[in-house]
N, C-alpha and C. Protein backbone atom coordinates (compact mmCIF):
# COMPACT_ATOMS: atom_id res chain seq x y z
N MET A 1 39.48 -53.08 -50.61
CA MET A 1 39.08 -51.78 -50.99
C MET A 1 38.38 -51.44 -52.32
N SER A 2 39.28 -51.87 -53.10
CA SER A 2 38.58 -52.28 -54.81
C SER A 2 36.86 -52.17 -54.70
N SER A 3 37.26 -53.68 -54.10
CA SER A 3 35.48 -54.63 -54.24
C SER A 3 34.19 -53.37 -53.08
N PHE A 4 35.18 -52.47 -52.32
CA PHE A 4 34.20 -52.16 -51.74
C PHE A 4 33.51 -50.58 -52.23
N VAL A 5 34.44 -50.24 -53.19
CA VAL A 5 34.54 -49.28 -54.42
C VAL A 5 34.01 -49.62 -55.52
N GLN A 6 33.64 -51.05 -56.00
CA GLN A 6 32.87 -51.77 -56.86
C GLN A 6 31.18 -51.32 -56.30
N GLN A 7 31.14 -51.91 -55.05
CA GLN A 7 29.87 -52.19 -54.77
C GLN A 7 29.07 -50.55 -53.47
N LEU A 8 29.55 -49.94 -53.79
CA LEU A 8 29.40 -48.09 -53.14
C LEU A 8 28.60 -47.84 -54.19
N PRO A 9 28.61 -47.78 -55.94
CA PRO A 9 27.22 -47.46 -55.91
C PRO A 9 26.17 -48.02 -55.59
N ALA A 10 26.06 -49.21 -55.71
CA ALA A 10 24.93 -50.16 -55.48
C ALA A 10 23.90 -50.32 -53.68
N LEU A 11 25.08 -49.24 -52.96
CA LEU A 11 24.70 -48.75 -52.08
C LEU A 11 24.23 -47.99 -51.81
N ILE A 12 24.65 -46.99 -52.51
CA ILE A 12 24.51 -46.05 -52.30
C ILE A 12 22.01 -45.58 -53.21
N GLY A 13 22.69 -46.65 -54.47
CA GLY A 13 21.34 -46.52 -55.39
C GLY A 13 20.11 -47.39 -53.90
N ALA A 14 20.53 -47.99 -52.96
CA ALA A 14 19.61 -48.70 -51.78
C ALA A 14 19.82 -47.97 -50.99
N VAL A 15 20.32 -46.81 -50.69
CA VAL A 15 19.95 -45.86 -49.57
C VAL A 15 18.95 -44.76 -50.31
N ILE A 16 19.47 -44.52 -51.76
CA ILE A 16 18.71 -43.46 -52.30
C ILE A 16 16.60 -44.50 -52.09
N GLY A 17 17.02 -45.41 -53.04
CA GLY A 17 15.73 -46.37 -52.93
C GLY A 17 14.92 -46.14 -51.20
N ALA A 18 15.55 -46.47 -49.77
CA ALA A 18 15.08 -46.55 -49.44
C ALA A 18 14.13 -45.55 -48.59
N LEU A 19 15.63 -44.23 -48.75
CA LEU A 19 14.78 -42.84 -48.41
C LEU A 19 13.69 -42.62 -49.16
N GLY A 20 13.46 -42.81 -50.22
CA GLY A 20 12.65 -42.25 -51.61
C GLY A 20 11.17 -43.49 -50.86
N SER A 21 11.63 -44.61 -50.92
CA SER A 21 10.45 -45.51 -50.43
C SER A 21 9.90 -44.63 -49.17
N PHE A 22 10.79 -44.21 -48.25
CA PHE A 22 10.24 -44.05 -46.70
C PHE A 22 9.26 -42.06 -47.50
N LEU A 23 9.84 -41.75 -48.02
CA LEU A 23 9.20 -40.43 -48.42
C LEU A 23 7.91 -40.89 -48.88
N VAL A 24 7.23 -41.59 -49.77
CA VAL A 24 6.02 -42.17 -50.33
C VAL A 24 5.74 -41.82 -49.27
N VAL A 25 5.85 -42.94 -49.12
CA VAL A 25 5.46 -43.31 -47.39
C VAL A 25 4.44 -42.57 -46.82
N VAL A 26 5.49 -41.53 -45.89
CA VAL A 26 5.12 -40.52 -45.46
C VAL A 26 4.18 -39.37 -45.86
N ARG A 27 4.32 -38.99 -47.30
CA ARG A 27 3.81 -37.90 -47.90
C ARG A 27 2.17 -39.00 -48.06
N GLY A 28 2.53 -40.41 -48.41
CA GLY A 28 0.43 -40.81 -48.67
C GLY A 28 0.07 -40.11 -47.17
N ASP A 29 0.90 -40.64 -46.47
CA ASP A 29 0.11 -40.91 -45.07
C ASP A 29 -0.74 -40.12 -44.74
N GLN A 30 0.00 -38.78 -44.62
CA GLN A 30 -0.05 -37.41 -44.44
C GLN A 30 -1.33 -36.93 -45.95
N VAL A 31 -1.22 -37.66 -46.92
CA VAL A 31 -2.47 -36.93 -47.50
C VAL A 31 -3.65 -38.07 -46.86
N ARG A 32 -3.97 -39.46 -46.37
CA ARG A 32 -4.82 -39.95 -46.07
C ARG A 32 -5.33 -39.37 -44.67
N PHE A 33 -4.22 -38.79 -44.24
CA PHE A 33 -4.75 -38.00 -42.57
C PHE A 33 -5.60 -37.55 -43.20
N ARG A 34 -5.21 -35.83 -44.12
CA ARG A 34 -5.48 -34.74 -44.38
C ARG A 34 -7.29 -34.78 -44.34
N ARG A 35 -7.15 -36.18 -45.58
CA ARG A 35 -8.54 -36.65 -45.73
C ARG A 35 -9.43 -37.31 -44.93
N GLU A 36 -8.76 -37.50 -44.98
CA GLU A 36 -9.69 -39.03 -43.21
C GLU A 36 -10.18 -37.52 -42.04
N ARG A 37 -9.01 -35.96 -41.98
CA ARG A 37 -9.65 -35.54 -40.98
C ARG A 37 -10.53 -34.15 -42.03
N ALA A 38 -10.99 -34.41 -42.75
CA ALA A 38 -11.47 -33.76 -43.68
C ALA A 38 -12.80 -34.18 -43.98
N ALA A 39 -13.11 -35.27 -43.67
CA ALA A 39 -14.16 -36.60 -43.36
C ALA A 39 -14.35 -36.28 -42.10
N ARG A 40 -14.20 -36.49 -41.21
CA ARG A 40 -14.41 -36.28 -40.13
C ARG A 40 -15.17 -34.79 -39.59
N TRP A 41 -14.33 -33.11 -39.88
CA TRP A 41 -15.08 -32.91 -39.42
C TRP A 41 -16.37 -32.51 -40.45
N GLU A 42 -16.76 -32.13 -41.66
CA GLU A 42 -17.54 -32.35 -42.61
C GLU A 42 -18.24 -33.33 -41.71
N GLU A 43 -18.75 -34.67 -41.21
CA GLU A 43 -19.76 -35.27 -40.80
C GLU A 43 -19.85 -34.75 -39.54
N ARG A 44 -19.17 -33.74 -38.86
CA ARG A 44 -19.89 -33.31 -37.48
C ARG A 44 -20.22 -31.94 -38.24
N ARG A 45 -19.81 -30.85 -38.85
CA ARG A 45 -20.56 -30.02 -39.96
C ARG A 45 -22.31 -30.82 -39.70
N PHE A 46 -22.05 -31.78 -40.67
CA PHE A 46 -23.32 -32.51 -41.13
C PHE A 46 -24.41 -32.46 -39.78
N THR A 47 -24.00 -33.09 -38.95
CA THR A 47 -24.88 -33.04 -37.71
C THR A 47 -24.90 -31.90 -36.71
N ILE A 48 -23.67 -30.73 -37.07
CA ILE A 48 -24.38 -29.56 -35.94
C ILE A 48 -24.93 -28.72 -37.04
N TYR A 49 -25.01 -29.07 -38.34
CA TYR A 49 -26.31 -28.50 -39.01
C TYR A 49 -28.01 -29.20 -38.98
N ALA A 50 -27.64 -30.54 -39.24
CA ALA A 50 -29.12 -31.42 -39.12
C ALA A 50 -30.17 -31.33 -37.86
N ASP A 51 -29.15 -30.89 -36.81
CA ASP A 51 -29.23 -30.84 -35.30
C ASP A 51 -29.60 -29.20 -34.81
N TYR A 52 -29.53 -28.27 -35.56
CA TYR A 52 -29.88 -27.54 -35.56
C TYR A 52 -31.22 -26.97 -36.42
N ALA A 53 -30.83 -27.83 -37.56
CA ALA A 53 -32.20 -27.39 -38.46
C ALA A 53 -33.67 -28.27 -37.39
N ARG A 54 -33.22 -29.29 -36.73
CA ARG A 54 -34.03 -29.97 -36.07
C ARG A 54 -34.77 -29.11 -34.39
N THR A 55 -34.03 -28.34 -33.90
CA THR A 55 -34.17 -27.51 -32.94
C THR A 55 -35.44 -26.24 -33.40
N LEU A 56 -34.80 -25.57 -34.71
CA LEU A 56 -35.32 -25.00 -34.85
C LEU A 56 -37.03 -25.24 -35.57
N LYS A 57 -36.78 -26.44 -35.99
CA LYS A 57 -38.06 -26.95 -36.88
C LYS A 57 -38.98 -27.46 -35.40
N ALA A 58 -38.26 -27.41 -33.81
CA ALA A 58 -39.43 -27.96 -32.92
C ALA A 58 -40.26 -26.76 -32.81
N SER A 59 -39.13 -25.51 -32.76
CA SER A 59 -39.52 -24.08 -31.99
C SER A 59 -41.23 -24.34 -33.30
N VAL A 60 -40.45 -24.29 -34.34
CA VAL A 60 -41.51 -23.92 -35.87
C VAL A 60 -42.69 -24.85 -35.17
N THR A 61 -42.77 -25.62 -35.33
CA THR A 61 -44.28 -26.78 -35.19
C THR A 61 -45.25 -26.26 -33.84
N LEU A 62 -43.68 -26.20 -32.65
CA LEU A 62 -45.18 -25.24 -31.38
C LEU A 62 -45.65 -23.87 -31.73
N THR A 63 -44.86 -23.19 -32.46
CA THR A 63 -45.90 -21.46 -33.19
C THR A 63 -47.10 -22.38 -33.56
N TYR A 64 -46.70 -23.24 -34.76
CA TYR A 64 -48.22 -23.58 -35.33
C TYR A 64 -48.99 -24.23 -34.77
N ARG A 65 -49.16 -24.52 -34.06
CA ARG A 65 -49.69 -25.48 -32.50
C ARG A 65 -50.69 -24.37 -32.15
N LEU A 66 -49.73 -23.43 -31.42
CA LEU A 66 -50.04 -21.99 -30.75
C LEU A 66 -51.13 -21.51 -31.82
N ALA A 67 -50.20 -21.39 -32.76
CA ALA A 67 -51.00 -20.09 -34.04
C ALA A 67 -52.48 -20.99 -33.84
N ALA A 68 -52.66 -21.53 -33.71
CA ALA A 68 -53.99 -22.37 -34.14
C ALA A 68 -55.07 -22.16 -33.49
N HIS A 69 -54.58 -22.16 -31.93
CA HIS A 69 -55.53 -21.89 -30.34
C HIS A 69 -56.02 -20.43 -31.19
N TYR A 70 -55.14 -19.64 -31.47
CA TYR A 70 -55.37 -18.02 -31.80
C TYR A 70 -56.35 -18.01 -33.33
N GLY A 71 -56.25 -19.00 -34.20
CA GLY A 71 -57.19 -19.32 -35.22
C GLY A 71 -56.16 -18.86 -36.26
N ASN A 72 -55.05 -18.69 -36.10
CA ASN A 72 -54.42 -18.43 -36.97
C ASN A 72 -53.70 -19.36 -37.95
N ASP A 73 -53.37 -20.49 -37.79
CA ASP A 73 -53.22 -21.67 -38.22
C ASP A 73 -54.50 -23.13 -38.22
N PRO A 74 -54.39 -23.10 -39.01
CA PRO A 74 -55.27 -24.96 -39.36
C PRO A 74 -54.76 -25.61 -38.92
N HIS A 75 -53.88 -25.76 -37.79
CA HIS A 75 -53.01 -27.43 -37.70
C HIS A 75 -53.91 -27.83 -36.56
N PRO A 76 -53.58 -29.27 -36.72
CA PRO A 76 -55.34 -29.83 -35.97
C PRO A 76 -55.05 -30.08 -34.30
N HIS A 77 -53.74 -29.84 -33.89
CA HIS A 77 -53.32 -30.00 -32.55
C HIS A 77 -53.22 -28.57 -32.02
N PRO A 78 -53.49 -27.79 -32.18
CA PRO A 78 -53.21 -26.77 -31.19
C PRO A 78 -53.18 -27.06 -30.21
N LEU A 79 -52.52 -26.03 -29.67
CA LEU A 79 -52.04 -25.89 -27.82
C LEU A 79 -52.56 -24.76 -27.57
N THR A 80 -53.05 -24.91 -26.06
CA THR A 80 -53.28 -23.20 -25.30
C THR A 80 -51.58 -22.42 -24.79
N PRO A 81 -51.96 -21.30 -24.85
CA PRO A 81 -50.69 -20.62 -23.73
C PRO A 81 -49.92 -20.68 -22.80
N GLU A 82 -50.90 -21.87 -22.01
CA GLU A 82 -50.76 -22.29 -21.07
C GLU A 82 -49.52 -23.57 -21.10
N GLU A 83 -50.34 -24.20 -22.42
CA GLU A 83 -50.27 -25.35 -22.49
C GLU A 83 -48.33 -25.02 -23.24
N SER A 84 -48.23 -24.31 -24.00
CA SER A 84 -47.10 -24.18 -25.72
C SER A 84 -46.27 -23.69 -24.34
N GLY A 85 -46.19 -22.15 -23.35
CA GLY A 85 -45.49 -22.26 -22.86
C GLY A 85 -44.04 -22.65 -21.78
N PRO A 86 -43.93 -23.47 -22.02
CA PRO A 86 -42.77 -24.57 -21.52
C PRO A 86 -42.27 -25.43 -22.16
N LEU A 87 -43.08 -25.46 -23.01
CA LEU A 87 -42.32 -26.26 -24.17
C LEU A 87 -41.59 -25.30 -24.95
N LEU A 88 -41.96 -23.97 -25.82
CA LEU A 88 -41.46 -23.08 -26.34
C LEU A 88 -40.33 -22.79 -25.17
N THR A 89 -40.45 -22.79 -24.51
CA THR A 89 -39.17 -22.10 -23.69
C THR A 89 -38.11 -23.17 -23.32
N GLU A 90 -38.53 -25.10 -23.69
CA GLU A 90 -37.93 -26.05 -23.59
C GLU A 90 -36.96 -26.14 -25.24
N ALA A 91 -37.92 -25.59 -26.26
CA ALA A 91 -38.00 -25.66 -27.85
C ALA A 91 -36.26 -24.54 -27.42
N ALA A 92 -36.15 -23.31 -27.19
CA ALA A 92 -35.75 -22.35 -27.38
C ALA A 92 -34.61 -22.59 -26.10
N THR A 93 -34.75 -23.19 -25.00
CA THR A 93 -33.11 -23.15 -24.59
C THR A 93 -32.65 -24.60 -25.30
N ALA A 94 -33.15 -25.45 -25.83
CA ALA A 94 -32.12 -26.54 -27.02
C ALA A 94 -32.16 -25.48 -27.54
N ARG A 95 -32.55 -24.72 -28.35
CA ARG A 95 -31.81 -23.76 -29.43
C ARG A 95 -30.56 -23.52 -29.54
N ASP A 96 -30.16 -22.80 -27.65
CA ASP A 96 -29.38 -21.54 -28.20
C ASP A 96 -28.21 -22.67 -28.11
N PRO A 97 -27.72 -23.73 -27.56
CA PRO A 97 -26.58 -24.53 -27.60
C PRO A 97 -26.04 -25.43 -29.15
N ALA A 98 -26.94 -25.40 -29.75
CA ALA A 98 -27.28 -25.84 -30.95
C ALA A 98 -26.85 -24.90 -32.02
N GLY A 99 -27.43 -23.30 -31.53
CA GLY A 99 -26.97 -22.36 -32.96
C GLY A 99 -25.21 -21.94 -31.81
N GLU A 100 -24.99 -22.29 -30.98
CA GLU A 100 -23.80 -21.40 -30.79
C GLU A 100 -21.98 -23.06 -31.14
N ALA A 101 -23.14 -24.19 -31.68
CA ALA A 101 -21.96 -25.18 -32.33
C ALA A 101 -22.33 -24.85 -33.72
N LEU A 102 -23.41 -24.64 -33.83
CA LEU A 102 -23.38 -24.07 -35.60
C LEU A 102 -22.97 -23.10 -35.82
N ILE A 103 -22.13 -21.39 -34.57
CA ILE A 103 -21.70 -19.99 -35.28
C ILE A 103 -19.90 -20.40 -35.27
N LEU A 104 -19.17 -22.24 -34.39
CA LEU A 104 -18.40 -22.61 -34.00
C LEU A 104 -17.77 -23.43 -34.88
N LEU A 105 -18.63 -23.92 -36.03
CA LEU A 105 -18.06 -24.85 -36.83
C LEU A 105 -18.76 -25.07 -38.21
N GLY A 106 -20.01 -24.00 -38.53
CA GLY A 106 -20.52 -23.54 -39.86
C GLY A 106 -19.61 -22.81 -40.15
N SER A 107 -19.84 -22.57 -42.01
CA SER A 107 -19.85 -22.00 -42.78
C SER A 107 -20.35 -20.47 -42.85
N PRO A 108 -19.32 -19.02 -43.32
CA PRO A 108 -20.01 -18.18 -42.87
C PRO A 108 -21.68 -17.94 -43.82
N ALA A 109 -21.14 -18.66 -44.87
CA ALA A 109 -22.44 -19.00 -45.72
C ALA A 109 -23.92 -19.40 -44.83
N VAL A 110 -23.71 -20.43 -44.40
CA VAL A 110 -24.03 -21.70 -43.85
C VAL A 110 -24.97 -20.50 -42.11
N VAL A 111 -24.46 -20.22 -41.52
CA VAL A 111 -24.38 -19.52 -40.28
C VAL A 111 -25.46 -18.46 -40.68
N GLU A 112 -25.48 -17.20 -41.55
CA GLU A 112 -25.74 -16.39 -42.03
C GLU A 112 -26.90 -16.99 -42.82
N LYS A 113 -26.98 -17.68 -43.12
CA LYS A 113 -28.94 -18.61 -43.98
C LYS A 113 -29.70 -18.42 -42.50
N ALA A 114 -28.52 -19.35 -41.67
CA ALA A 114 -29.34 -19.60 -39.64
C ALA A 114 -30.40 -18.43 -39.32
N ARG A 115 -29.47 -17.41 -39.35
CA ARG A 115 -29.72 -16.47 -38.93
C ARG A 115 -30.97 -15.48 -39.03
N VAL A 116 -30.87 -15.31 -41.08
CA VAL A 116 -31.80 -15.52 -41.00
C VAL A 116 -33.85 -15.89 -40.74
N TRP A 117 -33.37 -17.51 -40.88
CA TRP A 117 -34.32 -18.05 -40.33
C TRP A 117 -34.84 -18.18 -39.10
N VAL A 118 -33.57 -18.48 -38.22
CA VAL A 118 -34.16 -17.79 -36.31
C VAL A 118 -34.45 -16.87 -36.54
N VAL A 119 -34.49 -15.38 -37.27
CA VAL A 119 -35.01 -14.17 -36.78
C VAL A 119 -36.79 -14.17 -36.98
N THR A 120 -36.85 -14.42 -37.83
CA THR A 120 -38.49 -15.03 -38.52
C THR A 120 -39.06 -16.25 -37.96
N VAL A 121 -37.99 -16.86 -36.87
CA VAL A 121 -38.96 -18.28 -36.20
C VAL A 121 -39.20 -17.27 -34.99
N LEU A 122 -38.45 -16.22 -34.34
CA LEU A 122 -38.18 -15.13 -33.33
C LEU A 122 -39.62 -14.06 -33.46
N GLU A 123 -39.19 -13.83 -34.17
CA GLU A 123 -40.86 -12.79 -35.10
C GLU A 123 -42.13 -13.88 -34.84
N MET A 124 -42.72 -15.36 -35.73
CA MET A 124 -43.06 -15.68 -35.09
C MET A 124 -43.85 -15.84 -33.58
N GLU A 125 -42.75 -16.27 -32.98
CA GLU A 125 -42.55 -16.30 -31.41
C GLU A 125 -43.44 -14.89 -30.88
N ARG A 126 -42.79 -13.77 -30.85
CA ARG A 126 -43.61 -12.76 -30.48
C ARG A 126 -44.84 -12.21 -31.46
N PHE A 127 -45.11 -12.25 -32.29
CA PHE A 127 -46.78 -12.29 -33.17
C PHE A 127 -48.26 -12.87 -31.99
N LEU A 128 -46.76 -14.66 -31.69
CA LEU A 128 -47.83 -14.75 -30.67
C LEU A 128 -47.56 -14.63 -28.89
N ARG A 129 -46.71 -14.36 -28.64
CA ARG A 129 -46.73 -13.94 -27.44
C ARG A 129 -48.08 -12.71 -27.28
N GLU A 130 -48.39 -11.64 -28.31
CA GLU A 130 -49.02 -11.00 -28.23
C GLU A 130 -50.39 -10.71 -28.73
N GLU A 131 -50.22 -12.39 -28.68
CA GLU A 131 -51.96 -12.83 -28.46
C GLU A 131 -52.43 -12.36 -29.75
N ARG A 132 -52.42 -12.26 -31.58
CA ARG A 132 -51.92 -11.32 -32.13
C ARG A 132 -53.98 -12.14 -32.89
N ARG A 133 -54.09 -12.34 -33.40
CA ARG A 133 -55.08 -12.76 -34.46
C ARG A 133 -55.81 -12.47 -35.93
N ASP A 134 -55.02 -12.88 -36.49
CA ASP A 134 -54.25 -12.22 -37.90
C ASP A 134 -53.87 -13.21 -38.52
N PRO A 135 -54.63 -14.51 -39.91
CA PRO A 135 -54.33 -15.29 -40.62
C PRO A 135 -53.40 -15.08 -41.97
N GLU A 136 -53.24 -13.88 -42.21
CA GLU A 136 -52.98 -12.85 -43.44
C GLU A 136 -51.18 -12.41 -43.06
N ALA A 137 -51.39 -12.48 -41.68
CA ALA A 137 -49.82 -11.58 -40.90
C ALA A 137 -49.35 -12.60 -40.60
N TRP A 138 -49.86 -14.17 -40.39
CA TRP A 138 -49.46 -15.15 -39.90
C TRP A 138 -48.89 -16.07 -40.81
N GLN A 139 -49.85 -15.55 -41.96
CA GLN A 139 -49.40 -16.44 -43.05
C GLN A 139 -48.06 -16.29 -44.31
N ALA A 140 -47.86 -15.14 -44.21
CA ALA A 140 -46.98 -14.35 -44.33
C ALA A 140 -45.32 -14.50 -43.41
N LEU A 141 -45.35 -14.76 -42.07
CA LEU A 141 -45.07 -15.04 -41.98
C LEU A 141 -44.33 -16.32 -41.84
N LEU A 142 -45.22 -17.17 -42.12
CA LEU A 142 -44.88 -18.33 -42.29
C LEU A 142 -44.98 -18.52 -44.23
N ALA A 143 -44.65 -17.46 -44.49
CA ALA A 143 -43.80 -17.68 -46.21
C ALA A 143 -42.86 -17.27 -46.03
N ARG A 144 -42.07 -16.70 -45.70
CA ARG A 144 -41.06 -16.17 -44.40
C ARG A 144 -40.50 -17.04 -43.81
N GLN A 145 -40.15 -18.00 -42.97
CA GLN A 145 -39.66 -18.90 -42.60
C GLN A 145 -39.23 -19.80 -43.59
N ARG A 146 -40.54 -20.01 -43.85
CA ARG A 146 -40.30 -20.88 -45.35
C ARG A 146 -39.42 -21.05 -46.69
N THR A 147 -39.23 -19.70 -46.46
CA THR A 147 -37.94 -19.14 -47.01
C THR A 147 -36.80 -19.43 -46.57
N GLY A 148 -37.17 -18.78 -46.04
CA GLY A 148 -35.51 -19.12 -44.56
C GLY A 148 -35.22 -19.96 -44.36
N ARG A 149 -36.22 -21.44 -43.94
CA ARG A 149 -35.67 -22.99 -44.12
C ARG A 149 -34.63 -23.05 -45.84
N GLU A 150 -36.08 -22.57 -46.38
CA GLU A 150 -35.04 -23.47 -47.89
C GLU A 150 -33.47 -22.43 -47.80
N GLY A 151 -33.83 -21.47 -48.26
CA GLY A 151 -31.87 -20.60 -47.80
C GLY A 151 -31.09 -21.45 -47.24
N TYR A 152 -31.30 -21.81 -45.81
CA TYR A 152 -30.52 -22.86 -44.89
C TYR A 152 -30.14 -23.77 -45.67
N TYR A 153 -30.97 -24.63 -45.91
CA TYR A 153 -31.67 -25.81 -46.56
C TYR A 153 -30.19 -25.52 -47.70
N ALA A 154 -30.05 -25.00 -48.30
CA ALA A 154 -29.43 -24.97 -49.48
C ALA A 154 -28.36 -24.71 -49.30
N ALA A 155 -28.15 -23.30 -47.98
CA ALA A 155 -26.55 -23.01 -48.34
C ALA A 155 -25.32 -24.27 -47.49
N VAL A 156 -26.80 -24.80 -46.43
CA VAL A 156 -25.50 -26.27 -45.90
C VAL A 156 -25.83 -27.22 -47.38
N ARG A 157 -26.48 -27.59 -48.09
CA ARG A 157 -26.18 -28.63 -49.66
C ARG A 157 -25.15 -28.27 -49.98
N GLU A 158 -24.88 -26.54 -50.46
CA GLU A 158 -23.71 -26.53 -50.86
C GLU A 158 -22.35 -26.36 -50.62
N ASP A 159 -22.81 -26.20 -49.02
CA ASP A 159 -21.11 -25.89 -48.07
C ASP A 159 -21.10 -27.66 -47.78
N LEU A 160 -21.39 -28.60 -48.19
CA LEU A 160 -20.87 -30.30 -48.27
C LEU A 160 -20.76 -30.94 -49.83
N ALA A 161 -21.03 -30.41 -50.15
CA ALA A 161 -21.40 -29.94 -51.85
C ALA A 161 -22.47 -31.84 -51.74
N LEU A 162 -23.47 -31.41 -51.89
CA LEU A 162 -24.55 -32.82 -51.83
C LEU A 162 -25.05 -31.97 -52.65
N PRO A 163 -26.39 -32.44 -53.34
CA PRO A 163 -26.49 -32.83 -54.61
C PRO A 163 -28.37 -31.93 -54.45
N PRO A 164 -28.56 -30.99 -55.05
CA PRO A 164 -29.65 -30.19 -54.78
C PRO A 164 -31.05 -30.73 -54.22
N GLY A 165 -31.80 -30.43 -53.37
CA GLY A 165 -32.97 -31.28 -52.46
C GLY A 165 -34.12 -29.98 -52.83
N HIS A 166 -35.14 -31.23 -52.58
CA HIS A 166 -36.33 -30.72 -52.17
C HIS A 166 -37.06 -29.82 -51.38
N SER A 167 -38.09 -29.13 -52.46
CA SER A 167 -37.44 -27.38 -51.31
C SER A 167 -39.31 -27.38 -49.98
N ALA A 168 -39.24 -28.81 -50.16
CA ALA A 168 -40.26 -29.22 -49.13
C ALA A 168 -41.62 -28.04 -48.96
N ARG A 169 -42.04 -27.93 -50.13
CA ARG A 169 -43.01 -26.94 -50.45
C ARG A 169 -44.06 -27.55 -51.03
N TRP A 170 -44.97 -28.61 -50.43
CA TRP A 170 -45.81 -29.59 -50.32
C TRP A 170 -47.75 -28.72 -50.78
N SER A 171 -48.02 -29.22 -51.56
CA SER A 171 -49.82 -28.48 -51.26
C SER A 171 -50.33 -29.44 -50.22
N LEU A 172 -50.97 -29.21 -49.08
CA LEU A 172 -51.59 -29.67 -48.89
C LEU A 172 -53.30 -29.46 -48.82
N PRO A 173 -54.02 -30.86 -48.41
CA PRO A 173 -55.23 -30.05 -48.67
C PRO A 173 -55.87 -29.08 -48.26
N GLN A 174 -57.07 -28.26 -48.57
CA GLN A 174 -57.52 -27.10 -47.51
C GLN A 174 -58.41 -27.77 -46.64
N PRO A 175 -58.77 -27.45 -45.09
CA PRO A 175 -59.29 -27.71 -43.99
C PRO A 175 -60.64 -27.22 -44.33
């Protein structure tokens, strides 16, 4: 029995060491799991943010082309209302699920900036459905749309901790 008592401190040390090792490994796995989960959600948010921007930009491009038909925009490839109707419907249909995904996973700041941008795009579409011919009013809408887009991208960059990006305000040659 005395040899058991003499080896007891070593046995207790081995048990404590094994338990400590187990706790360190479990804690490391928890930290790695949380980090990987955060990275996966960040990738998903990035994809959703990009998809929403892409679908909204498709609508914007179609409005440019339709506005060119009415003489409001210098876009080189105008579309008639008959040609643009199905395309605008398709763009709006694609925009709805992208918007729902954005609402589900986007940060409140990004969702709010997306709302500002899409409201302006909806105003642009209404302007064209009314068949207005007012290049100055159209240019004001374009400026608001560009500001809305800039705000959306800035909010996305902030949410994803990305560096500041380009404003995408390029000076184009006048026609």
